Amino acid sequence: MKKLWMLGLCVFVLAGCNTVQGIGKDVKRAGEAVESVGKK
């Protein structure tokens, strides 16, 4: 289930990026999300 959720998140993040700067911000947010899931 977690893998499916992460796949969906990645697709959403990559689809929402318009610029290289946007990709960097989205990757940072995705990393923060993974950290918060790992801390639980």
PDB file of N, CA and C in Angstrom:
ATOM      1  N   MET A   1       0.828  -1.201   0.000  1.00  0.00           N
ATOM      2  CA  MET A   1       0.000   0.000   0.000  1.00  0.00           C
ATOM      3  C   MET A   1       0.868   1.258   0.000  1.00  0.00           C
ATOM      4  N   LYS A   2       1.935   1.245   0.800  1.00  0.00           N
ATOM      5  CA  LYS A   2       2.813   2.424   0.852  1.00  0.00           C
ATOM      6  C   LYS A   2       3.473   2.675  -0.499  1.00  0.00           C
ATOM      7  N   LYS A   3       3.849   1.585  -1.186  1.00  0.00           N
ATOM      8  CA  LYS A   3       4.497   1.748  -2.497  1.00  0.00           C
ATOM      9  C   LYS A   3       3.548   2.403  -3.489  1.00  0.00           C
ATOM     10  N   LEU A   4       2.286   1.987  -3.455  1.00  0.00           N
ATOM     11  CA  LEU A   4       1.296   2.566  -4.350  1.00  0.00           C
ATOM     12  C   LEU A   4       1.107   4.044  -4.043  1.00  0.00           C
ATOM     13  N   TRP A   5       1.066   4.397  -2.762  1.00  0.00           N
ATOM     14  CA  TRP A   5       0.907   5.790  -2.357  1.00  0.00           C
ATOM     15  C   TRP A   5       2.097   6.620  -2.818  1.00  0.00           C
ATOM     16  N   MET A   6       3.304   6.097  -2.635  1.00  0.00           N
ATOM     17  CA  MET A   6       4.507   6.828  -3.052  1.00  0.00           C
ATOM     18  C   MET A   6       4.552   6.982  -4.574  1.00  0.00           C
ATOM     19  N   LEU A   7       4.127   5.960  -5.305  1.00  0.00           N
ATOM     20  CA  LEU A   7       4.086   6.054  -6.764  1.00  0.00           C
ATOM     21  C   LEU A   7       3.119   7.152  -7.193  1.00  0.00           C
ATOM     22  N   GLY A   8       1.958   7.186  -6.571  1.00  0.00           N
ATOM     23  CA  GLY A   8       0.977   8.225  -6.876  1.00  0.00           C
ATOM     24  C   GLY A   8       1.517   9.612  -6.558  1.00  0.00           C
ATOM     25  N   LEU A   9       2.207   9.728  -5.430  1.00  0.00           N
ATOM     26  CA  LEU A   9       2.795  11.009  -5.037  1.00  0.00           C
ATOM     27  C   LEU A   9       3.835  11.451  -6.068  1.00  0.00           C
ATOM     28  N   CYS A  10       4.684  10.537  -6.494  1.00  0.00           N
ATOM     29  CA  CYS A  10       5.718  10.868  -7.477  1.00  0.00           C
ATOM     30  C   CYS A  10       5.111  11.321  -8.803  1.00  0.00           C
ATOM     31  N   VAL A  11       4.075  10.634  -9.249  1.00  0.00           N
ATOM     32  CA  VAL A  11       3.416  11.017 -10.497  1.00  0.00           C
ATOM     33  C   VAL A  11       2.818  12.407 -10.359  1.00  0.00           C
ATOM     34  N   PHE A  12       2.151  12.666  -9.241  1.00  0.00           N
ATOM     35  CA  PHE A  12       1.542  13.974  -9.002  1.00  0.00           C
ATOM     36  C   PHE A  12       2.598  15.069  -8.967  1.00  0.00           C
ATOM     37  N   VAL A  13       3.693  14.813  -8.262  1.00  0.00           N
ATOM     38  CA  VAL A  13       4.763  15.812  -8.135  1.00  0.00           C
ATOM     39  C   VAL A  13       5.387  16.097  -9.491  1.00  0.00           C
ATOM     40  N   LEU A  14       5.709  15.057 -10.243  1.00  0.00           N
ATOM     41  CA  LEU A  14       6.350  15.260 -11.542  1.00  0.00           C
ATOM     42  C   LEU A  14       5.406  15.917 -12.540  1.00  0.00           C
ATOM     43  N   ALA A  15       4.127  15.618 -12.459  1.00  0.00           N
ATOM     44  CA  ALA A  15       3.162  16.230 -13.366  1.00  0.00           C
ATOM     45  C   ALA A  15       2.974  17.711 -13.053  1.00  0.00           C
ATOM     46  N   GLY A  16       3.200  18.098 -11.806  1.00  0.00           N
ATOM     47  CA  GLY A  16       2.981  19.484 -11.395  1.00  0.00           C
ATOM     48  C   GLY A  16       4.175  20.400 -11.629  1.00  0.00           C
ATOM     49  N   CYS A  17       5.302  19.856 -12.011  1.00  0.00           N
ATOM     50  CA  CYS A  17       6.513  20.673 -12.187  1.00  0.00           C
ATOM     51  C   CYS A  17       6.531  21.326 -13.565  1.00  0.00           C
ATOM     52  N   ASN A  18       6.803  22.614 -13.599  1.00  0.00           N
ATOM     53  CA  ASN A  18       6.894  23.326 -14.873  1.00  0.00           C
ATOM     54  C   ASN A  18       8.310  23.779 -15.171  1.00  0.00           C
ATOM     55  N   THR A  19       9.131  23.937 -14.144  1.00  0.00           N
ATOM     56  CA  THR A  19      10.492  24.435 -14.342  1.00  0.00           C
ATOM     57  C   THR A  19      11.475  23.593 -13.546  1.00  0.00           C
ATOM     58  N   VAL A  20      12.741  23.756 -13.832  1.00  0.00           N
ATOM     59  CA  VAL A  20      13.782  23.057 -13.084  1.00  0.00           C
ATOM     60  C   VAL A  20      13.730  23.470 -11.615  1.00  0.00           C
ATOM     61  N   GLN A  21      13.493  24.727 -11.359  1.00  0.00           N
ATOM     62  CA  GLN A  21      13.386  25.209  -9.982  1.00  0.00           C
ATOM     63  C   GLN A  21      12.198  24.545  -9.287  1.00  0.00           C
ATOM     64  N   GLY A  22      11.104  24.410  -9.993  1.00  0.00           N
ATOM     65  CA  GLY A  22       9.922  23.743  -9.440  1.00  0.00           C
ATOM     66  C   GLY A  22      10.207  22.286  -9.116  1.00  0.00           C
ATOM     67  N   ILE A  23      10.986  21.622  -9.972  1.00  0.00           N
ATOM     68  CA  ILE A  23      11.349  20.224  -9.720  1.00  0.00           C
ATOM     69  C   ILE A  23      12.157  20.126  -8.427  1.00  0.00           C
ATOM     70  N   GLY A  24      13.085  21.042  -8.227  1.00  0.00           N
ATOM     71  CA  GLY A  24      13.897  21.038  -7.005  1.00  0.00           C
ATOM     72  C   GLY A  24      13.038  21.199  -5.765  1.00  0.00           C
ATOM     73  N   LYS A  25      12.081  22.110  -5.810  1.00  0.00           N
ATOM     74  CA  LYS A  25      11.193  22.316  -4.665  1.00  0.00           C
ATOM     75  C   LYS A  25      10.341  21.082  -4.406  1.00  0.00           C
ATOM     76  N   ASP A  26       9.851  20.461  -5.489  1.00  0.00           N
ATOM     77  CA  ASP A  26       9.001  19.280  -5.338  1.00  0.00           C
ATOM     78  C   ASP A  26       9.794  18.096  -4.797  1.00  0.00           C
ATOM     79  N   VAL A  27      11.023  17.946  -5.246  1.00  0.00           N
ATOM     80  CA  VAL A  27      11.868  16.862  -4.743  1.00  0.00           C
ATOM     81  C   VAL A  27      12.135  17.068  -3.254  1.00  0.00           C
ATOM     82  N   LYS A  28      12.352  18.307  -2.864  1.00  0.00           N
ATOM     83  CA  LYS A  28      12.572  18.600  -1.446  1.00  0.00           C
ATOM     84  C   LYS A  28      11.335  18.229  -0.629  1.00  0.00           C
ATOM     85  N   ARG A  29      10.158  18.613  -1.109  1.00  0.00           N
ATOM     86  CA  ARG A  29       8.912  18.278  -0.402  1.00  0.00           C
ATOM     87  C   ARG A  29       8.712  16.772  -0.327  1.00  0.00           C
ATOM     88  N   ALA A  30       9.028  16.071  -1.416  1.00  0.00           N
ATOM     89  CA  ALA A  30       8.883  14.610  -1.420  1.00  0.00           C
ATOM     90  C   ALA A  30       9.832  13.986  -0.400  1.00  0.00           C
ATOM     91  N   GLY A  31      11.046  14.499  -0.321  1.00  0.00           N
ATOM     92  CA  GLY A  31      12.008  14.007   0.670  1.00  0.00           C
ATOM     93  C   GLY A  31      11.525  14.243   2.086  1.00  0.00           C
ATOM     94  N   GLU A  32      10.938  15.396   2.326  1.00  0.00           N
ATOM     95  CA  GLU A  32      10.396  15.680   3.649  1.00  0.00           C
ATOM     96  C   GLU A  32       9.248  14.734   3.984  1.00  0.00           C
ATOM     97  N   ALA A  33       8.422  14.419   2.990  1.00  0.00           N
ATOM     98  CA  ALA A  33       7.306  13.492   3.210  1.00  0.00           C
ATOM     99  C   ALA A  33       7.829  12.103   3.551  1.00  0.00           C
ATOM    100  N   VAL A  34       8.870  11.664   2.859  1.00  0.00           N
ATOM    101  CA  VAL A  34       9.448  10.358   3.139  1.00  0.00           C
ATOM    102  C   VAL A  34      10.044  10.331   4.535  1.00  0.00           C
ATOM    103  N   GLU A  35      10.706  11.409   4.939  1.00  0.00           N
ATOM    104  CA  GLU A  35      11.261  11.487   6.289  1.00  0.00           C
ATOM    105  C   GLU A  35      10.166  11.408   7.347  1.00  0.00           C
ATOM    106  N   SER A  36       9.074  12.109   7.136  1.00  0.00           N
ATOM    107  CA  SER A  36       8.012  12.093   8.127  1.00  0.00           C
ATOM    108  C   SER A  36       7.363  10.718   8.225  1.00  0.00           C
ATOM    109  N   VAL A  37       7.252  10.009   7.105  1.00  0.00           N
ATOM    110  CA  VAL A  37       6.700   8.651   7.133  1.00  0.00           C
ATOM    111  C   VAL A  37       7.683   7.719   7.841  1.00  0.00           C
ATOM    112  N   GLY A  38       8.968   7.925   7.620  1.00  0.00           N
ATOM    113  CA  GLY A  38       9.984   7.085   8.249  1.00  0.00           C
ATOM    114  C   GLY A  38      10.073   7.275   9.746  1.00  0.00           C
ATOM    115  N   LYS A  39       9.733   8.431  10.253  1.00  0.00           N
ATOM    116  CA  LYS A  39       9.800   8.721  11.686  1.00  0.00           C
ATOM    117  C   LYS A  39       8.662   8.073  12.463  1.00  0.00           C
ATOM    118  N   LYS A  40       7.571   7.718  11.753  1.00  0.00           N
ATOM    119  CA  LYS A  40       6.407   7.128  12.439  1.00  0.00           C
ATOM    120  C   LYS A  40       6.625   5.722  12.873  1.00  0.00           C
TER     121      LYS A  40
END
